[in-house]
N, C-alpha and C. Protein backbone atom coordinates (compact mmCIF):
# COMPACT_ATOMS: atom_id res chain seq x y z
N MET A 1 29.89 77.64 16.97
CA MET A 1 28.99 77.25 17.72
C MET A 1 27.39 76.75 16.95
N PHE A 2 27.38 77.72 15.73
CA PHE A 2 26.52 77.48 15.02
C PHE A 2 26.92 76.89 13.67
N ALA A 3 27.87 76.13 13.68
CA ALA A 3 28.14 75.65 12.30
C ALA A 3 27.30 74.10 12.17
N GLY A 4 27.47 73.93 10.81
CA GLY A 4 26.68 72.73 10.48
C GLY A 4 25.58 73.27 9.40
N PRO A 5 24.83 71.93 9.11
CA PRO A 5 24.18 72.18 7.92
C PRO A 5 22.93 73.20 8.13
N PHE A 6 22.45 73.19 9.51
CA PHE A 6 20.77 73.65 9.91
C PHE A 6 21.34 75.15 9.71
N CYS A 7 22.54 75.60 10.16
CA CYS A 7 22.92 76.89 10.37
C CYS A 7 22.56 77.59 9.06
N SER A 8 23.00 76.98 8.24
CA SER A 8 22.73 77.82 6.74
C SER A 8 21.35 78.25 6.15
N LEU A 9 20.43 77.30 7.09
CA LEU A 9 18.90 77.90 6.85
C LEU A 9 18.16 78.58 7.41
N LEU A 10 19.08 79.22 8.46
CA LEU A 10 18.79 80.39 9.32
C LEU A 10 18.92 81.77 8.77
N SER A 11 18.35 82.78 8.60
CA SER A 11 18.11 83.75 8.03
C SER A 11 19.76 84.31 8.80
N PRO A 12 20.44 85.58 7.96
CA PRO A 12 21.41 86.33 8.96
C PRO A 12 20.53 86.79 10.19
N VAL A 13 19.57 87.33 10.43
CA VAL A 13 18.67 88.02 11.29
C VAL A 13 18.65 86.86 12.64
N GLU A 14 18.23 85.62 12.18
CA GLU A 14 18.16 84.29 13.05
C GLU A 14 19.35 84.06 13.73
N GLN A 15 20.34 84.03 12.97
CA GLN A 15 21.82 83.67 13.46
C GLN A 15 22.41 84.79 14.47
N LYS A 16 22.05 86.27 14.08
CA LYS A 16 22.40 87.23 14.93
C LYS A 16 21.93 87.20 16.34
N LEU A 17 20.59 86.46 16.23
CA LEU A 17 19.57 86.70 17.55
C LEU A 17 20.28 85.43 18.39
N ALA A 18 20.34 84.30 17.82
CA ALA A 18 20.87 83.35 18.23
C ALA A 18 22.15 83.35 19.10
N ALA A 19 23.07 84.25 18.33
CA ALA A 19 24.51 84.43 19.13
C ALA A 19 24.23 85.39 20.39
N ARG A 20 23.54 86.52 19.93
CA ARG A 20 23.24 87.39 21.20
C ARG A 20 22.56 87.15 22.50
N PHE A 21 21.46 86.04 22.15
CA PHE A 21 21.15 85.34 23.58
C PHE A 21 22.05 84.01 23.73
N GLY A 22 22.83 83.89 22.90
CA GLY A 22 23.51 82.51 23.32
C GLY A 22 22.83 81.25 23.55
N VAL A 23 22.08 81.25 22.72
CA VAL A 23 21.28 80.28 22.20
C VAL A 23 21.49 79.28 20.78
N SER A 24 20.76 78.14 21.04
CA SER A 24 20.83 77.69 19.87
C SER A 24 20.02 78.03 18.86
N ALA A 25 19.97 77.38 17.75
CA ALA A 25 19.31 77.71 16.54
C ALA A 25 17.89 77.55 16.67
N THR A 26 17.56 76.20 17.15
CA THR A 26 16.41 75.93 17.56
C THR A 26 15.23 76.79 18.22
N PRO A 27 15.52 77.26 19.36
CA PRO A 27 14.57 77.80 19.74
C PRO A 27 14.44 79.27 19.45
N VAL A 28 15.56 79.81 18.84
CA VAL A 28 15.15 81.20 17.79
C VAL A 28 14.17 80.98 16.41
N ARG A 29 14.31 80.05 15.75
CA ARG A 29 13.71 79.46 14.71
C ARG A 29 12.08 79.29 15.20
N GLU A 30 11.87 78.57 16.47
CA GLU A 30 10.75 78.27 17.11
C GLU A 30 9.92 79.64 17.32
N ALA A 31 10.53 79.96 18.18
CA ALA A 31 10.04 81.64 18.45
C ALA A 31 9.59 82.76 17.48
N MET A 32 10.33 82.60 16.43
CA MET A 32 10.30 83.29 15.35
C MET A 32 8.76 82.59 14.63
N LEU A 33 8.52 81.40 14.40
CA LEU A 33 7.79 80.69 14.09
C LEU A 33 6.33 81.18 14.49
N ASP A 34 6.34 81.14 15.88
CA ASP A 34 5.51 81.40 16.97
C ASP A 34 5.11 83.00 16.56
N LEU A 35 5.75 83.80 16.36
CA LEU A 35 5.60 85.32 16.24
C LEU A 35 4.57 85.14 15.22
N ALA A 36 5.24 84.56 14.00
CA ALA A 36 4.42 84.42 12.45
C ALA A 36 3.19 83.78 12.94
N LYS A 37 2.87 83.02 13.92
CA LYS A 37 1.45 82.04 13.90
C LYS A 37 0.59 83.50 14.34
N GLU A 38 1.09 84.49 15.20
CA GLU A 38 0.36 85.08 15.89
C GLU A 38 0.18 86.59 15.05
N GLY A 39 0.73 86.61 13.81
CA GLY A 39 0.66 87.74 13.00
C GLY A 39 1.35 89.13 13.41
N LEU A 40 2.65 88.89 14.11
CA LEU A 40 3.42 89.91 14.45
C LEU A 40 4.84 90.01 13.67
N VAL A 41 5.03 88.85 13.14
CA VAL A 41 5.91 89.14 11.65
C VAL A 41 5.45 88.69 10.65
N ASP A 42 6.16 88.65 9.44
CA ASP A 42 6.01 87.99 8.39
C ASP A 42 7.12 87.13 7.83
N THR A 43 7.08 85.74 7.24
CA THR A 43 7.76 85.35 6.44
C THR A 43 8.68 86.12 5.34
N VAL A 44 9.66 85.98 4.99
CA VAL A 44 10.21 86.56 4.03
C VAL A 44 11.06 85.50 3.36
N PRO A 45 10.67 84.93 2.18
CA PRO A 45 11.45 83.99 1.26
C PRO A 45 13.03 84.37 1.28
N ASN A 46 13.58 83.27 1.66
CA ASN A 46 15.32 83.68 1.85
C ASN A 46 15.77 84.79 2.38
N LYS A 47 14.77 85.45 2.95
CA LYS A 47 15.52 86.49 4.07
C LYS A 47 15.26 86.17 5.32
N GLY A 48 14.37 85.31 5.71
CA GLY A 48 13.68 85.53 7.31
C GLY A 48 12.51 85.86 7.28
N PHE A 49 12.54 86.77 7.98
CA PHE A 49 11.51 87.40 8.76
C PHE A 49 11.29 89.15 8.93
N ARG A 50 10.52 89.65 8.82
CA ARG A 50 10.29 91.11 9.20
C ARG A 50 8.79 91.39 10.28
N VAL A 51 9.09 92.51 11.18
CA VAL A 51 7.78 92.80 11.65
C VAL A 51 6.78 92.99 10.80
N THR A 52 5.57 92.60 11.26
CA THR A 52 4.39 92.62 10.65
C THR A 52 3.97 94.45 10.42
N VAL A 53 3.59 94.87 9.38
CA VAL A 53 3.19 96.52 9.57
C VAL A 53 1.82 96.19 9.74
N VAL A 54 1.22 97.16 10.70
CA VAL A 54 -0.28 97.06 10.86
C VAL A 54 -0.48 98.96 10.10
N SER A 55 -1.79 98.22 9.17
CA SER A 55 -2.16 99.49 8.30
C SER A 55 -2.87 100.53 9.25
N ASP A 56 -3.26 101.62 9.11
CA ASP A 56 -4.24 102.31 9.69
C ASP A 56 -5.44 101.49 9.52
N ARG A 57 -5.66 101.01 8.83
CA ARG A 57 -7.14 100.61 8.82
C ARG A 57 -7.50 99.54 9.29
N GLN A 58 -6.67 98.68 9.43
CA GLN A 58 -6.38 97.55 10.46
C GLN A 58 -6.62 98.28 11.75
N LEU A 59 -5.28 99.04 12.40
CA LEU A 59 -5.44 99.53 13.74
C LEU A 59 -7.16 100.14 13.77
N ASP A 60 -7.49 101.07 12.87
CA ASP A 60 -9.33 101.46 13.03
C ASP A 60 -9.78 100.34 13.63
N GLU A 61 -9.72 99.22 12.63
CA GLU A 61 -10.76 97.75 13.06
C GLU A 61 -10.45 97.20 14.12
N TYR A 62 -9.13 97.14 14.81
CA TYR A 62 -8.63 96.47 16.30
C TYR A 62 -9.29 97.30 17.08
N THR A 63 -9.15 98.87 16.94
CA THR A 63 -9.82 99.83 18.03
C THR A 63 -11.16 99.58 18.09
N GLN A 64 -11.81 99.62 16.93
CA GLN A 64 -13.40 99.26 17.08
C GLN A 64 -13.94 98.06 17.35
N ILE A 65 -13.48 96.88 17.67
CA ILE A 65 -13.42 95.84 17.99
C ILE A 65 -13.74 95.88 19.59
N ARG A 66 -11.96 96.64 19.71
CA ARG A 66 -11.67 96.85 21.46
C ARG A 66 -12.87 97.52 22.08
N ALA A 67 -13.12 98.58 21.38
CA ALA A 67 -14.13 99.50 22.19
C ALA A 67 -15.49 99.04 22.15
N LEU A 68 -15.81 98.28 21.47
CA LEU A 68 -17.24 97.43 21.12
C LEU A 68 -17.28 96.35 22.55
N VAL A 69 -16.16 95.89 22.46
CA VAL A 69 -16.19 94.87 23.88
C VAL A 69 -15.62 95.23 25.17
N GLU A 70 -14.87 96.19 25.09
CA GLU A 70 -14.21 96.68 26.52
C GLU A 70 -14.92 97.84 27.05
N ILE A 71 -15.57 98.51 26.37
CA ILE A 71 -16.22 99.85 26.87
C ILE A 71 -17.20 99.34 27.62
N PRO A 72 -18.23 98.46 27.13
CA PRO A 72 -19.43 98.10 28.03
C PRO A 72 -19.06 97.45 29.00
N THR A 73 -18.16 96.13 29.01
CA THR A 73 -17.63 95.23 29.74
C THR A 73 -17.26 96.02 31.02
N VAL A 74 -16.25 96.86 30.92
CA VAL A 74 -15.87 97.77 31.69
C VAL A 74 -16.78 98.54 32.61
N ALA A 75 -17.57 99.31 31.88
CA ALA A 75 -18.64 99.73 32.34
C ALA A 75 -19.47 99.10 32.89
N ALA A 76 -20.06 97.76 32.59
CA ALA A 76 -20.33 96.79 33.74
C ALA A 76 -20.15 96.35 34.99
N LEU A 77 -19.26 96.71 35.17
CA LEU A 77 -18.02 96.44 36.19
C LEU A 77 -18.34 97.00 37.42
N ALA A 78 -18.87 98.27 37.08
CA ALA A 78 -19.32 99.40 38.38
C ALA A 78 -20.36 98.91 38.81
N ARG A 79 -21.32 97.96 38.32
CA ARG A 79 -22.42 97.46 39.21
C ARG A 79 -22.07 95.88 39.63
N THR A 80 -21.00 95.40 39.43
CA THR A 80 -20.80 93.83 39.47
C THR A 80 -19.68 93.34 40.25
N ALA A 81 -18.30 94.49 39.76
CA ALA A 81 -16.96 93.79 40.23
C ALA A 81 -16.88 94.40 42.07
N ASP A 82 -16.62 93.44 42.79
CA ASP A 82 -16.43 93.72 44.24
C ASP A 82 -15.15 94.78 44.35
N ARG A 83 -15.19 95.43 45.52
CA ARG A 83 -14.18 96.48 45.77
C ARG A 83 -12.58 95.71 46.17
N VAL A 84 -12.61 94.48 46.78
CA VAL A 84 -11.28 94.02 46.84
C VAL A 84 -10.97 93.73 45.16
N SER A 85 -11.50 93.39 44.66
CA SER A 85 -11.13 92.88 43.32
C SER A 85 -10.62 93.71 42.74
N LEU A 86 -11.36 95.24 42.61
CA LEU A 86 -11.14 96.34 42.07
C LEU A 86 -9.61 97.11 42.64
N GLU A 87 -9.55 96.88 43.84
CA GLU A 87 -8.38 97.66 44.60
C GLU A 87 -7.06 96.68 44.48
N ALA A 88 -7.46 95.23 43.99
CA ALA A 88 -6.04 94.35 43.70
C ALA A 88 -5.71 95.32 42.08
N LEU A 89 -6.34 95.95 41.58
CA LEU A 89 -5.38 96.09 40.35
C LEU A 89 -4.89 97.73 40.55
N ARG A 90 -5.01 98.48 41.78
CA ARG A 90 -4.65 99.54 42.23
C ARG A 90 -3.06 99.25 41.81
N PRO A 91 -1.98 98.52 42.51
CA PRO A 91 -0.66 98.50 42.16
C PRO A 91 -0.54 98.47 40.66
N ALA A 92 -0.85 97.97 40.10
CA ALA A 92 -0.77 97.94 38.31
C ALA A 92 -1.12 99.31 37.93
N ALA A 93 -1.96 99.83 38.41
CA ALA A 93 -2.34 100.89 38.00
C ALA A 93 -1.13 102.16 38.37
N ARG A 94 -0.64 102.20 39.30
CA ARG A 94 0.52 103.10 40.21
C ARG A 94 1.71 102.37 39.46
N GLU A 95 2.04 101.37 38.90
CA GLU A 95 2.97 100.77 38.10
C GLU A 95 2.79 101.80 36.70
N ILE A 96 2.07 101.82 36.22
CA ILE A 96 1.92 102.60 34.92
C ILE A 96 2.12 103.66 34.90
N VAL A 97 1.93 103.98 35.96
CA VAL A 97 2.26 105.80 36.21
C VAL A 97 3.34 105.98 36.47
N ALA A 98 4.32 105.22 36.94
CA ALA A 98 5.56 104.95 37.60
C ALA A 98 6.42 104.84 36.25
N ALA A 99 5.87 103.91 35.42
CA ALA A 99 6.73 103.71 34.31
C ALA A 99 6.77 105.12 33.20
N ALA A 100 5.29 105.60 33.05
CA ALA A 100 5.23 106.84 32.33
C ALA A 100 6.04 107.98 32.61
N ALA A 101 6.22 108.26 34.04
CA ALA A 101 6.66 109.17 34.71
C ALA A 101 8.52 108.97 34.59
N ALA A 102 9.23 107.67 34.47
CA ALA A 102 10.21 107.29 34.05
C ALA A 102 10.77 107.24 32.69
N GLY A 103 9.29 107.07 31.75
CA GLY A 103 9.65 107.22 30.21
C GLY A 103 9.98 105.52 30.07
N ASP A 104 9.75 104.51 30.80
CA ASP A 104 9.79 103.21 30.58
C ASP A 104 8.74 102.48 30.02
N LEU A 105 8.97 102.48 28.30
CA LEU A 105 7.99 102.15 28.12
C LEU A 105 7.71 100.56 27.55
N ILE A 106 8.88 99.80 28.34
CA ILE A 106 8.45 98.39 28.62
C ILE A 106 7.70 97.89 29.43
N ALA A 107 8.06 98.58 30.98
CA ALA A 107 7.76 98.29 32.31
C ALA A 107 5.94 98.98 31.89
N TYR A 108 5.69 99.96 31.09
CA TYR A 108 4.61 100.67 30.96
C TYR A 108 3.77 99.82 30.33
N VAL A 109 4.14 99.12 29.36
CA VAL A 109 3.34 97.82 28.47
C VAL A 109 2.95 96.57 29.30
N GLU A 110 3.76 96.24 30.23
CA GLU A 110 3.83 95.12 30.70
C GLU A 110 2.65 95.60 32.09
N ALA A 111 2.59 96.43 32.76
CA ALA A 111 1.36 96.85 33.66
C ALA A 111 0.24 97.15 33.16
N ASP A 112 0.43 97.91 32.02
CA ASP A 112 -0.75 98.03 31.22
C ASP A 112 -1.56 97.11 30.82
N THR A 113 -0.86 96.04 30.45
CA THR A 113 -1.79 94.56 29.90
C THR A 113 -2.03 94.03 31.49
N ARG A 114 -1.17 93.87 32.33
CA ARG A 114 -1.94 93.22 33.51
C ARG A 114 -2.78 93.94 33.78
N PHE A 115 -2.70 95.22 33.89
CA PHE A 115 -4.06 96.01 34.53
C PHE A 115 -5.43 95.67 33.67
N HIS A 116 -5.16 95.68 32.38
CA HIS A 116 -6.64 95.76 31.44
C HIS A 116 -7.31 94.21 31.26
N LEU A 117 -6.33 93.47 31.19
CA LEU A 117 -6.56 91.87 31.26
C LEU A 117 -7.12 91.64 32.35
N GLY A 118 -6.35 92.19 33.97
CA GLY A 118 -7.34 91.85 34.98
C GLY A 118 -8.36 92.42 35.28
N LEU A 119 -8.53 93.65 34.84
CA LEU A 119 -10.06 94.30 34.57
C LEU A 119 -10.92 93.52 34.06
N LEU A 120 -10.68 93.04 32.90
CA LEU A 120 -11.68 92.36 32.08
C LEU A 120 -12.00 91.13 32.46
N ALA A 121 -10.99 90.56 33.08
CA ALA A 121 -11.05 89.02 33.69
C ALA A 121 -12.07 89.09 34.76
N LEU A 122 -12.59 90.44 35.22
CA LEU A 122 -13.46 90.26 36.64
C LEU A 122 -14.90 90.24 35.89
N ALA A 123 -15.04 90.37 34.81
CA ALA A 123 -16.19 90.17 34.32
C ALA A 123 -16.57 88.37 33.77
N GLY A 124 -15.54 87.39 34.29
CA GLY A 124 -15.91 86.43 34.17
C GLY A 124 -15.95 85.44 32.81
N ASN A 125 -15.51 86.17 31.90
CA ASN A 125 -15.34 85.44 30.55
C ASN A 125 -13.52 85.51 30.11
N ALA A 126 -13.81 84.08 30.37
CA ALA A 126 -11.95 84.09 29.60
C ALA A 126 -11.71 84.21 28.19
N HIS A 127 -12.71 83.81 27.28
CA HIS A 127 -12.57 84.22 26.10
C HIS A 127 -12.57 85.64 25.42
N LEU A 128 -13.12 86.43 26.54
CA LEU A 128 -13.35 87.79 26.27
C LEU A 128 -11.92 88.33 26.46
N VAL A 129 -11.23 87.86 27.70
CA VAL A 129 -10.06 88.43 27.72
C VAL A 129 -8.91 87.91 26.41
N GLU A 130 -9.27 86.87 26.12
CA GLU A 130 -8.24 86.11 25.05
C GLU A 130 -8.45 87.01 23.90
N VAL A 131 -9.61 87.12 23.31
CA VAL A 131 -9.78 88.19 22.46
C VAL A 131 -9.24 89.39 22.48
N VAL A 132 -9.53 89.88 23.55
CA VAL A 132 -8.92 91.38 23.82
C VAL A 132 -7.18 91.39 23.77
N ALA A 133 -6.86 90.26 24.45
CA ALA A 133 -5.41 90.04 24.32
C ALA A 133 -4.65 90.03 23.15
N ASP A 134 -5.30 89.43 22.31
CA ASP A 134 -5.03 89.27 20.88
C ASP A 134 -4.97 90.66 20.32
N LEU A 135 -6.15 91.17 20.45
CA LEU A 135 -6.22 92.48 19.78
C LEU A 135 -5.39 93.78 20.07
N ARG A 136 -4.84 93.52 21.49
CA ARG A 136 -3.65 94.45 22.06
C ARG A 136 -2.75 94.27 21.41
N GLY A 137 -2.09 92.91 21.34
CA GLY A 137 -0.98 92.39 20.83
C GLY A 137 -0.65 92.82 19.13
N ARG A 138 -1.85 92.62 18.64
CA ARG A 138 -1.74 92.88 17.26
C ARG A 138 -1.51 94.53 17.00
N SER A 139 -2.11 95.11 18.29
CA SER A 139 -2.01 96.91 17.69
C SER A 139 -0.72 97.17 18.34
N ARG A 140 -0.06 96.33 19.05
CA ARG A 140 1.13 96.83 19.96
C ARG A 140 1.31 98.29 20.45
N LEU A 141 2.29 98.62 20.21
CA LEU A 141 3.02 100.19 20.66
C LEU A 141 2.17 101.18 19.76
N TYR A 142 1.46 100.78 18.82
CA TYR A 142 0.60 102.12 18.02
C TYR A 142 -0.22 102.89 19.16
N GLY A 143 0.06 104.30 18.72
CA GLY A 143 -0.75 104.82 20.01
C GLY A 143 -0.29 105.47 21.26
N LEU A 144 0.59 104.45 21.74
CA LEU A 144 1.52 104.67 22.58
C LEU A 144 2.98 105.52 22.42
N THR A 145 3.70 105.37 21.25
CA THR A 145 4.85 105.85 20.34
C THR A 145 3.99 107.95 20.49
N ALA A 146 2.90 107.64 19.99
CA ALA A 146 2.48 109.21 19.55
C ALA A 146 2.05 109.66 20.97
N LEU A 147 1.50 109.10 22.13
CA LEU A 147 1.61 109.89 23.29
C LEU A 147 2.80 110.43 23.91
N VAL A 148 3.81 109.32 23.40
CA VAL A 148 5.06 109.64 24.17
C VAL A 148 5.51 110.96 23.29
N GLN A 149 5.54 111.11 22.31
CA GLN A 149 5.87 112.11 21.28
C GLN A 149 5.20 113.41 21.72
N ALA A 150 3.81 113.54 22.00
CA ALA A 150 3.14 114.76 22.20
C ALA A 150 2.91 114.86 23.80
N GLY A 151 3.93 114.24 24.53
CA GLY A 151 4.00 114.36 26.09
C GLY A 151 2.68 114.12 26.43
N ARG A 152 1.79 113.63 26.46
CA ARG A 152 0.72 112.72 27.05
C ARG A 152 0.28 111.20 27.63
N LEU A 153 1.79 110.79 27.88
CA LEU A 153 1.76 109.41 28.10
C LEU A 153 1.51 109.35 29.87
N LEU A 154 1.89 110.23 30.68
CA LEU A 154 1.61 110.34 31.96
C LEU A 154 0.32 110.71 32.24
N ALA A 155 -0.62 111.48 31.34
CA ALA A 155 -1.65 111.90 31.49
C ALA A 155 -2.62 110.50 31.18
N SER A 156 -2.50 109.75 30.27
CA SER A 156 -2.90 108.41 30.09
C SER A 156 -2.68 107.49 31.09
N ALA A 157 -1.69 107.54 31.23
CA ALA A 157 -1.44 106.68 32.70
C ALA A 157 -2.37 106.88 33.71
N GLU A 158 -2.67 108.08 33.93
CA GLU A 158 -3.14 108.48 35.23
C GLU A 158 -4.72 108.07 35.02
N GLU A 159 -5.22 107.81 33.95
CA GLU A 159 -6.84 107.23 33.82
C GLU A 159 -6.72 106.18 34.27
N HIS A 160 -5.71 105.29 34.53
CA HIS A 160 -5.86 104.11 34.87
C HIS A 160 -6.82 104.40 36.53
N LEU A 161 -5.68 105.15 37.22
CA LEU A 161 -6.20 105.25 38.41
C LEU A 161 -7.72 106.05 38.62
N GLU A 162 -7.92 106.83 37.65
CA GLU A 162 -9.15 107.64 37.14
C GLU A 162 -10.24 106.56 37.19
N LEU A 163 -9.95 105.76 36.39
CA LEU A 163 -10.98 104.69 36.24
C LEU A 163 -11.19 103.71 37.45
N LEU A 164 -10.25 103.39 37.90
CA LEU A 164 -10.58 102.65 39.39
C LEU A 164 -11.48 103.29 40.27
N ASP A 165 -11.32 104.41 40.72
CA ASP A 165 -11.80 105.65 41.42
C ASP A 165 -13.23 105.54 40.79
N ALA A 166 -13.43 105.81 39.76
CA ALA A 166 -14.90 105.54 38.76
C ALA A 166 -15.41 104.30 39.24
N LEU A 167 -14.92 103.24 39.30
CA LEU A 167 -15.80 101.99 39.51
C LEU A 167 -15.94 101.77 40.76
N LEU A 168 -15.15 102.06 41.63
CA LEU A 168 -15.32 101.87 43.06
C LEU A 168 -16.30 102.93 43.56
N GLU A 169 -16.46 104.06 42.74
CA GLU A 169 -17.65 104.80 43.32
C GLU A 169 -18.87 104.63 42.83
N ARG A 170 -18.91 103.20 41.71
CA ARG A 170 -20.02 102.70 41.18
C ARG A 170 -20.65 103.45 40.18
N ASP A 171 -20.01 104.68 39.41
CA ASP A 171 -20.51 105.55 38.54
C ASP A 171 -20.08 105.17 36.72
N GLU A 172 -21.22 104.21 36.72
CA GLU A 172 -21.07 103.66 35.24
C GLU A 172 -20.82 104.81 33.94
N ARG A 173 -21.26 105.71 34.14
CA ARG A 173 -21.37 106.88 33.35
C ARG A 173 -19.94 107.15 33.02
N ALA A 174 -19.37 107.46 34.42
CA ALA A 174 -17.58 107.84 34.26
C ALA A 174 -17.22 106.91 33.58
N VAL A 175 -17.20 105.47 34.35
CA VAL A 175 -16.50 104.65 33.79
C VAL A 175 -16.36 104.70 31.99
N HIS A 176 -17.76 104.72 31.61
CA HIS A 176 -17.82 104.79 29.94
C HIS A 176 -17.22 105.88 29.37
N ALA A 177 -17.32 106.82 30.14
CA ALA A 177 -16.23 108.24 29.48
C ALA A 177 -14.82 107.72 29.57
N ILE A 178 -14.34 107.47 30.98
CA ILE A 178 -13.09 107.41 30.91
C ILE A 178 -12.62 106.19 29.69
N MET A 179 -13.28 104.94 29.77
CA MET A 179 -12.78 104.04 28.62
C MET A 179 -12.80 104.60 27.46
N THR A 180 -13.79 105.28 26.93
CA THR A 180 -13.91 105.90 25.67
C THR A 180 -12.60 106.42 25.44
N ARG A 181 -12.35 107.49 26.62
CA ARG A 181 -11.13 108.65 25.90
C ARG A 181 -9.83 107.76 26.04
N HIS A 182 -9.79 106.66 26.82
CA HIS A 182 -8.51 105.81 26.91
C HIS A 182 -7.98 105.18 25.74
N LEU A 183 -9.47 104.29 25.49
CA LEU A 183 -9.01 103.70 24.14
C LEU A 183 -8.79 104.60 22.74
N GLY A 184 -9.47 105.84 22.83
CA GLY A 184 -9.01 106.82 21.89
C GLY A 184 -7.60 107.04 21.61
N HIS A 185 -7.07 106.76 22.86
CA HIS A 185 -5.78 107.18 22.57
C HIS A 185 -4.85 105.95 21.93
N VAL A 186 -5.73 105.29 21.37
CA VAL A 186 -4.70 104.11 20.48
C VAL A 186 -4.64 105.00 19.16
N ARG A 187 -5.68 105.62 18.64
CA ARG A 187 -5.73 106.17 17.56
C ARG A 187 -5.81 107.51 17.77
N GLY A 188 -4.90 107.84 18.59
CA GLY A 188 -4.58 109.20 18.52
C GLY A 188 -5.70 110.52 18.45
N LEU A 189 -7.06 109.81 19.35
CA LEU A 189 -8.18 110.83 19.64
C LEU A 189 -8.18 111.92 20.36
N TRP A 190 -6.70 111.64 21.25
CA TRP A 190 -7.04 112.59 22.29
C TRP A 190 -6.39 113.92 21.73
N ALA A 191 -5.95 114.11 20.35
CA ALA A 191 -5.43 115.19 19.69
C ALA A 191 -6.77 116.43 19.59
N ALA A 192 -7.77 115.36 19.71
CA ALA A 192 -9.31 116.37 19.40
C ALA A 192 -9.35 116.83 21.00
N ASP A 193 -8.72 116.40 22.06
CA ASP A 193 -9.44 116.82 22.87
C ASP A 193 -9.38 118.31 23.10
């Protein structure tokens, strides 16, 4: 199935992925190159690819940028977002809680991404949403695994509902505090609570 001259250009990992997913080598190679462009994998000459390691410093920098952008933006939504748009995010917030309770990290990340990017979209700045989506992608599951190990994932998940309630109450100060605490989970700042 994967014979021919092109097959020898693929790394063993790419060959295994192509076989595992029952696809030709081309989409696997293109997907890996897309991931490399996004900084999620590094190319390793004559070996293929490896997942990019994010240093503590990089993670601190990503988290700092997210805090500078997300906290004031979401806090301002307490004044500007309409109730219908905020309530429309409640199903995603509930999915986050359900996924945390079930220990389903994939569902958690998917619902969490929909919730946060949907919330930021209410500010009406598509570039801001794009920047935060990129930063979230770069920091991936860091912080999440620490929450799981510490048994704090469900508490973090429930903050989404708490955040929505504060937004609906138009309590900008509470929204700011919840977002600050919530983003702190990325770097394990919950440990200081």
